[in-house]
């Protein structure tokens, strides 16, 4: 269920000079970016999009993602699929009852991602089961000061 109309109001933010910068979400709202293949269902490569007609979602993924959506968090799927796979992808998400706000197509293929952004980024590697998230301290790579 694509639902662009329920995005929480973004809050205006300003830098130290008083200039407008990118807005932020309300306190406590998370912006989840979630891969599709191999994360919410079996890994279906771009070269075999017809398999999306038969692959089933991981039940724990459907349950947790829809729970996060209902709690007011932003759910955006991102995928290495191209725009030509939009229809089969959105049809599959709708058929299985996923609630979400948007889909981003064209994620680079091959894994080993290193995301660099001017905003805080938290990454959670999917290892076979969706559950509620817990806070745990881990070692991370950062830019040298």
Protein backbone atom coordinates (compact mmCIF):
# COMPACT_ATOMS: atom_id res chain seq x y z
CA UNK A 1 0.00 0.00 0.00
CA UNK A 2 1.86 3.01 -1.25
CA UNK A 3 0.91 5.97 0.91
CA UNK A 4 2.67 9.24 0.13
CA UNK A 5 -0.05 11.19 1.96
CA UNK A 6 0.88 10.10 5.49
CA UNK A 7 4.41 11.46 5.66
CA UNK A 8 4.90 13.23 8.97
CA UNK A 9 5.47 16.97 8.72
CA UNK A 10 9.07 17.86 8.13
CA UNK A 11 10.53 20.44 10.47
CA UNK A 12 12.47 23.39 9.05
CA UNK A 13 16.13 23.50 10.10
CA UNK A 14 18.78 26.17 9.81
CA UNK A 15 22.57 26.32 9.92
CA UNK A 16 24.64 28.59 12.16
CA UNK A 17 24.25 31.44 9.63
CA UNK A 18 20.46 31.18 9.80
CA UNK A 19 20.27 29.72 6.29
CA UNK A 20 17.72 27.03 5.54
CA UNK A 21 19.14 23.51 5.30
CA UNK A 22 17.46 20.16 4.67
CA UNK A 23 14.41 19.69 6.90
CA UNK A 24 14.26 16.93 9.49
CA UNK A 25 11.64 14.47 10.62
CA UNK A 26 9.85 14.95 13.93
CA UNK A 27 11.66 13.56 17.00
CA UNK A 28 11.27 9.79 17.24
CA UNK A 29 10.32 9.26 13.60
CA UNK A 30 12.70 7.02 11.67
CA UNK A 31 13.31 7.00 7.93
CA UNK A 32 13.72 3.32 7.04
CA UNK A 33 15.37 2.47 3.69
CA UNK A 34 14.78 -1.23 3.08
CA UNK A 35 16.08 -3.43 0.30
CA UNK A 36 13.57 -5.82 -1.28
CA UNK A 37 15.40 -8.82 -2.74
CA UNK A 38 17.01 -11.04 -0.15
CA UNK A 39 15.61 -8.86 2.65
CA UNK A 40 11.81 -8.97 2.54
CA UNK A 41 11.66 -11.95 0.15
CA UNK A 42 14.00 -14.39 -1.57
CA UNK A 43 16.64 -12.79 -3.79
CA UNK A 44 15.16 -12.38 -7.29
CA UNK A 45 17.73 -10.99 -9.75
CA UNK A 46 16.82 -8.31 -12.30
CA UNK A 47 17.43 -10.88 -15.04
CA UNK A 48 14.45 -12.99 -13.82
CA UNK A 49 11.70 -10.50 -12.87
CA UNK A 50 8.98 -13.03 -13.72
CA UNK A 51 9.87 -14.88 -10.49
CA UNK A 52 8.27 -12.03 -8.54
CA UNK A 53 4.92 -13.59 -9.44
CA UNK A 54 5.62 -16.64 -7.28
CA UNK A 55 8.06 -15.56 -4.56
CA UNK A 56 6.55 -15.13 -1.10
CA UNK A 57 7.43 -12.40 1.41
CA UNK A 58 9.21 -13.26 4.61
CA UNK A 59 6.33 -13.18 7.16
CA UNK A 60 8.42 -11.49 9.87
CA UNK A 61 9.41 -8.74 7.41
CA UNK A 62 5.80 -8.02 6.47
CA UNK A 63 4.74 -7.94 10.13
CA UNK A 64 7.58 -5.69 11.38
CA UNK A 65 7.59 -3.27 8.43
CA UNK A 66 3.84 -2.76 8.59
CA UNK A 67 4.14 -2.25 12.38
CA UNK A 68 6.80 0.44 11.82
CA UNK A 69 4.57 2.08 9.20
CA UNK A 70 1.62 2.12 11.63
CA UNK A 71 3.88 3.64 14.31
CA UNK A 72 4.44 6.59 11.96
CA UNK A 73 7.88 5.78 10.62
CA UNK A 74 8.75 6.31 6.94
CA UNK A 75 9.11 3.12 4.91
CA UNK A 76 10.98 3.50 1.62
CA UNK A 77 11.99 0.44 -0.33
CA UNK A 78 15.11 0.62 -2.45
CA UNK A 79 16.15 -1.91 -5.02
CA UNK A 80 18.68 -2.67 -7.71
CA UNK A 81 15.76 -3.26 -10.02
CA UNK A 82 15.35 -0.72 -12.79
CA UNK A 83 12.32 1.42 -13.59
CA UNK A 84 11.22 -1.20 -16.11
CA UNK A 85 10.52 -3.47 -13.10
CA UNK A 86 8.36 -0.89 -11.30
CA UNK A 87 5.01 -2.46 -12.22
CA UNK A 88 5.90 -6.03 -11.21
CA UNK A 89 7.52 -4.75 -8.00
CA UNK A 90 4.63 -2.50 -6.91
CA UNK A 91 2.10 -5.21 -7.85
CA UNK A 92 3.98 -7.70 -5.67
CA UNK A 93 4.15 -5.32 -2.69
CA UNK A 94 0.42 -4.54 -3.00
CA UNK A 95 -0.54 -8.23 -3.42
CA UNK A 96 1.23 -9.11 -0.18
CA UNK A 97 0.00 -6.12 1.84
CA UNK A 98 3.21 -4.17 2.41
CA UNK A 99 2.57 -0.61 3.59
CA UNK A 100 5.14 1.89 2.38
CA UNK A 101 5.67 5.46 1.28
CA UNK A 102 8.00 5.17 -1.72
CA UNK A 103 10.33 2.98 -3.77
CA UNK A 104 13.74 4.00 -5.09
CA UNK A 105 14.93 2.06 -8.14
CA UNK A 106 18.45 1.69 -9.51
CA UNK A 107 20.45 0.92 -6.35
CA UNK A 108 23.98 -0.08 -7.41
CA UNK A 109 24.42 -3.83 -7.74
CA UNK A 110 27.11 -5.92 -6.13
CA UNK A 111 26.86 -5.14 -2.44
CA UNK A 112 29.73 -3.88 -0.28
CA UNK A 113 27.91 -0.56 0.16
CA UNK A 114 29.51 2.39 1.88
CA UNK A 115 27.02 5.20 2.39
CA UNK A 116 28.39 8.72 2.79
CA UNK A 117 25.90 11.42 3.77
CA UNK A 118 25.75 14.70 5.67
CA UNK A 119 23.06 13.21 7.92
CA UNK A 120 23.41 10.49 10.53
CA UNK A 121 23.08 7.07 8.92
CA UNK A 122 22.44 3.91 10.89
CA UNK A 123 22.88 0.62 9.07
CA UNK A 124 21.51 -2.76 10.05
CA UNK A 125 22.59 -5.78 8.08
CA UNK A 126 19.75 -8.21 7.44
CA UNK A 127 20.69 -11.72 8.55
CA UNK A 128 17.55 -13.74 7.96
CA UNK A 129 14.90 -12.43 10.35
CA UNK A 130 13.13 -9.14 10.99
CA UNK A 131 12.56 -8.28 14.65
CA UNK A 132 12.22 -5.09 16.62
CA UNK A 133 15.50 -3.19 16.69
CA UNK A 134 17.67 -3.00 19.81
CA UNK A 135 20.47 -0.59 20.65
CA UNK A 136 23.92 -2.15 20.51
CA UNK A 137 27.31 -0.45 20.27
CA UNK A 138 29.53 -1.61 17.41
CA UNK A 139 32.77 -0.45 15.83
CA UNK A 140 32.24 1.66 12.69
CA UNK A 141 34.34 3.38 10.04
CA UNK A 142 34.39 7.18 10.20
CA UNK A 143 36.28 9.97 8.41
CA UNK A 144 39.63 10.87 10.00
CA UNK A 145 39.41 14.21 11.86
